[in-house]
C-alpha atoms as a PDB file:
ATOM      1  CA  UNK A   1      32.571  45.289   0.790  1.00  0.00           C
ATOM      2  CA  UNK A   2      30.728  45.502   4.199  1.00  0.00           C
ATOM      3  CA  UNK A   3      27.453  44.956   2.146  1.00  0.00           C
ATOM      4  CA  UNK A   4      29.079  42.306   0.533  1.00  0.00           C
ATOM      5  CA  UNK A   5      29.560  40.649   3.379  1.00  0.00           C
ATOM      6  CA  UNK A   6      26.390  40.967   5.069  1.00  0.00           C
ATOM      7  CA  UNK A   7      24.590  39.776   2.335  1.00  0.00           C
ATOM      8  CA  UNK A   8      26.817  36.685   2.109  1.00  0.00           C
ATOM      9  CA  UNK A   9      26.250  36.077   5.672  1.00  0.00           C
ATOM     10  CA  UNK A  10      22.439  36.631   5.411  1.00  0.00           C
ATOM     11  CA  UNK A  11      22.302  34.416   2.414  1.00  0.00           C
ATOM     12  CA  UNK A  12      24.282  31.161   4.204  1.00  0.00           C
ATOM     13  CA  UNK A  13      22.206  31.319   7.291  1.00  0.00           C
ATOM     14  CA  UNK A  14      19.442  31.199   5.227  1.00  0.00           C
ATOM     15  CA  UNK A  15      20.867  28.245   3.201  1.00  0.00           C
ATOM     16  CA  UNK A  16      21.489  26.255   6.740  1.00  0.00           C
ATOM     17  CA  UNK A  17      18.347  26.649   8.323  1.00  0.00           C
ATOM     18  CA  UNK A  18      16.755  24.900   5.200  1.00  0.00           C
ATOM     19  CA  UNK A  19      18.945  22.709   5.786  1.00  0.00           C
ATOM     20  CA  UNK A  20      18.637  21.787   9.095  1.00  0.00           C
ATOM     21  CA  UNK A  21      14.312  21.493   8.886  1.00  0.00           C
ATOM     22  CA  UNK A  22      15.376  18.799   5.917  1.00  0.00           C
ATOM     23  CA  UNK A  23      17.869  16.259   8.115  1.00  0.00           C
ATOM     24  CA  UNK A  24      17.886  12.792   8.117  1.00  0.00           C
ATOM     25  CA  UNK A  25      16.910  11.123  11.433  1.00  0.00           C
ATOM     26  CA  UNK A  26      15.564   7.890  12.627  1.00  0.00           C
ATOM     27  CA  UNK A  27      12.091   9.716  13.724  1.00  0.00           C
ATOM     28  CA  UNK A  28      11.666  11.488  10.219  1.00  0.00           C
ATOM     29  CA  UNK A  29      12.211   7.900   8.581  1.00  0.00           C
ATOM     30  CA  UNK A  30       9.899   5.897  10.800  1.00  0.00           C
ATOM     31  CA  UNK A  31       7.438   8.832  12.291  1.00  0.00           C
ATOM     32  CA  UNK A  32       6.376  10.960   8.949  1.00  0.00           C
ATOM     33  CA  UNK A  33       5.113   9.457   5.872  1.00  0.00           C
ATOM     34  CA  UNK A  34       8.233  11.005   3.966  1.00  0.00           C
ATOM     35  CA  UNK A  35       9.445   7.622   2.896  1.00  0.00           C
ATOM     36  CA  UNK A  36       6.618   5.597   2.397  1.00  0.00           C
ATOM     37  CA  UNK A  37       6.097   3.943  -1.229  1.00  0.00           C
ATOM     38  CA  UNK A  38       2.954   2.070  -2.091  1.00  0.00           C
ATOM     39  CA  UNK A  39       2.268  -1.339  -0.553  1.00  0.00           C
ATOM     40  CA  UNK A  40       2.486  -4.031  -3.285  1.00  0.00           C
ATOM     41  CA  UNK A  41       1.119  -7.662  -2.331  1.00  0.00           C
ATOM     42  CA  UNK A  42       0.987  -9.994  -0.956  1.00  0.00           C
ATOM     43  CA  UNK A  43       0.823 -11.554  -4.613  1.00  0.00           C
ATOM     44  CA  UNK A  44      -0.566 -15.054  -5.348  1.00  0.00           C
ATOM     45  CA  UNK A  45      -0.286 -17.162  -8.364  1.00  0.00           C
ATOM     46  CA  UNK A  46      -3.675 -18.961  -9.245  1.00  0.00           C
ATOM     47  CA  UNK A  47      -4.089 -22.146 -10.005  1.00  0.00           C
ATOM     48  CA  UNK A  48      -2.238 -23.409 -13.047  1.00  0.00           C
ATOM     49  CA  UNK A  49      -0.380 -19.962 -13.358  1.00  0.00           C
ATOM     50  CA  UNK A  50      -2.414 -18.173 -15.795  1.00  0.00           C
ATOM     51  CA  UNK A  51      -3.071 -15.081 -13.649  1.00  0.00           C
ATOM     52  CA  UNK A  52      -1.979 -13.821  -9.931  1.00  0.00           C
ATOM     53  CA  UNK A  53      -3.674 -11.801  -7.235  1.00  0.00           C
ATOM     54  CA  UNK A  54      -2.783  -8.683  -5.143  1.00  0.00           C
ATOM     55  CA  UNK A  55      -3.959  -6.358  -2.437  1.00  0.00           C
ATOM     56  CA  UNK A  56      -4.895  -3.125  -3.508  1.00  0.00           C
ATOM     57  CA  UNK A  57      -5.886  -0.266  -1.927  1.00  0.00           C
ATOM     58  CA  UNK A  58     -10.057  -0.084  -2.360  1.00  0.00           C
ATOM     59  CA  UNK A  59     -11.557   3.278  -3.595  1.00  0.00           C
ATOM     60  CA  UNK A  60     -14.407   2.722  -1.875  1.00  0.00           C
ATOM     61  CA  UNK A  61     -13.196   1.945   1.565  1.00  0.00           C
ATOM     62  CA  UNK A  62     -10.243   3.982   2.001  1.00  0.00           C
ATOM     63  CA  UNK A  63      -7.394   2.169   4.673  1.00  0.00           C
ATOM     64  CA  UNK A  64      -9.219  -1.200   3.308  1.00  0.00           C
ATOM     65  CA  UNK A  65      -8.035  -3.104   0.602  1.00  0.00           C
ATOM     66  CA  UNK A  66      -9.460  -5.347  -2.859  1.00  0.00           C
ATOM     67  CA  UNK A  67      -8.189  -8.127  -4.602  1.00  0.00           C
ATOM     68  CA  UNK A  68      -7.755  -7.545  -7.845  1.00  0.00           C
ATOM     69  CA  UNK A  69      -6.408 -10.328 -10.631  1.00  0.00           C
ATOM     70  CA  UNK A  70      -3.911  -9.673 -13.351  1.00  0.00           C
ATOM     71  CA  UNK A  71      -3.943 -11.660 -16.236  1.00  0.00           C
ATOM     72  CA  UNK A  72       0.291 -13.094 -16.685  1.00  0.00           C
ATOM     73  CA  UNK A  73       0.434 -12.776 -20.500  1.00  0.00           C
ATOM     74  CA  UNK A  74      -1.952  -9.330 -20.790  1.00  0.00           C
ATOM     75  CA  UNK A  75      -1.167  -7.725 -17.352  1.00  0.00           C
ATOM     76  CA  UNK A  76      -4.992  -7.305 -17.794  1.00  0.00           C
ATOM     77  CA  UNK A  77      -6.455  -6.382 -14.204  1.00  0.00           C
ATOM     78  CA  UNK A  78      -9.848  -7.132 -12.993  1.00  0.00           C
ATOM     79  CA  UNK A  79     -11.585  -6.865  -9.720  1.00  0.00           C
ATOM     80  CA  UNK A  80     -12.182 -10.170  -7.820  1.00  0.00           C
ATOM     81  CA  UNK A  81     -13.199  -9.475  -4.708  1.00  0.00           C
ATOM     82  CA  UNK A  82     -14.449  -5.870  -3.063  1.00  0.00           C
ATOM     83  CA  UNK A  83     -13.819  -4.904  -0.067  1.00  0.00           C
ATOM     84  CA  UNK A  84     -17.209  -4.645   0.053  1.00  0.00           C
ATOM     85  CA  UNK A  85     -17.727  -8.501   0.063  1.00  0.00           C
ATOM     86  CA  UNK A  86     -15.839  -8.459   2.984  1.00  0.00           C
ATOM     87  CA  UNK A  87     -18.169  -6.641   5.444  1.00  0.00           C
ATOM     88  CA  UNK A  88     -19.298  -9.324   8.074  1.00  0.00           C
ATOM     89  CA  UNK A  89     -22.786  -8.661   9.021  1.00  0.00           C
ATOM     90  CA  UNK A  90     -24.241  -5.949  11.636  1.00  0.00           C
ATOM     91  CA  UNK A  91     -20.963  -4.069  10.480  1.00  0.00           C
ATOM     92  CA  UNK A  92     -20.398  -1.556   8.328  1.00  0.00           C
ATOM     93  CA  UNK A  93     -16.603  -1.388   7.325  1.00  0.00           C
ATOM     94  CA  UNK A  94     -14.695  -4.310   5.566  1.00  0.00           C
ATOM     95  CA  UNK A  95     -12.651  -6.424   7.443  1.00  0.00           C
ATOM     96  CA  UNK A  96      -8.518  -5.061   7.495  1.00  0.00           C
ATOM     97  CA  UNK A  97      -6.895  -8.320   5.053  1.00  0.00           C
ATOM     98  CA  UNK A  98      -3.329  -8.061   5.717  1.00  0.00           C
ATOM     99  CA  UNK A  99      -3.057 -11.618   3.854  1.00  0.00           C
ATOM    100  CA  UNK A 100      -5.073 -14.376   2.259  1.00  0.00           C
ATOM    101  CA  UNK A 101      -4.851 -17.487   0.812  1.00  0.00           C
ATOM    102  CA  UNK A 102      -6.520 -19.425  -2.202  1.00  0.00           C
ATOM    103  CA  UNK A 103      -7.985 -23.166  -1.312  1.00  0.00           C
ATOM    104  CA  UNK A 104      -7.813 -25.319  -4.043  1.00  0.00           C
ATOM    105  CA  UNK A 105     -11.113 -26.732  -5.328  1.00  0.00           C
ATOM    106  CA  UNK A 106     -12.601 -29.347  -7.472  1.00  0.00           C
ATOM    107  CA  UNK A 107     -12.903 -27.073 -10.666  1.00  0.00           C
ATOM    108  CA  UNK A 108      -9.532 -25.497 -10.326  1.00  0.00           C
ATOM    109  CA  UNK A 109     -10.689 -21.331  -9.765  1.00  0.00           C
ATOM    110  CA  UNK A 110      -9.894 -21.532  -5.396  1.00  0.00           C
ATOM    111  CA  UNK A 111     -11.854 -19.459  -3.549  1.00  0.00           C
ATOM    112  CA  UNK A 112     -10.882 -17.967  -0.355  1.00  0.00           C
ATOM    113  CA  UNK A 113     -10.170 -18.847   3.148  1.00  0.00           C
ATOM    114  CA  UNK A 114     -11.725 -17.227   5.852  1.00  0.00           C
ATOM    115  CA  UNK A 115      -9.788 -16.018   8.660  1.00  0.00           C
ATOM    116  CA  UNK A 116      -6.299 -16.493   7.047  1.00  0.00           C
ATOM    117  CA  UNK A 117      -4.673 -13.500   8.776  1.00  0.00           C
ATOM    118  CA  UNK A 118      -7.135 -10.953   8.802  1.00  0.00           C
ATOM    119  CA  UNK A 119      -6.482  -7.479  11.320  1.00  0.00           C
ATOM    120  CA  UNK A 120      -9.940  -5.526  12.241  1.00  0.00           C
END
């Protein structure tokens, strides 16, 4: 009987230690990557609404973004602006895009407006 009691105490003690390590705290929510999800956006529709563009993590430059275009009907994905195209002269790293806008052009394709909400 005594052995059973000791085993029960050991087992419940182990579970309470594990529960303490996985408690939800403000520090854990805001200062760890435990609850982060993948980023989406900002998304912008192209002129005419046939596609939209969005920022996605660059494979070539970790922590930087490419501008990707998705066809609205098919969902086909294409690289529109590589992070490599966003490297200022004299620098080795692309600009860090946080937001972007397309300016209308006479041919309706649009072009990126430089300097719009870009962080370094």
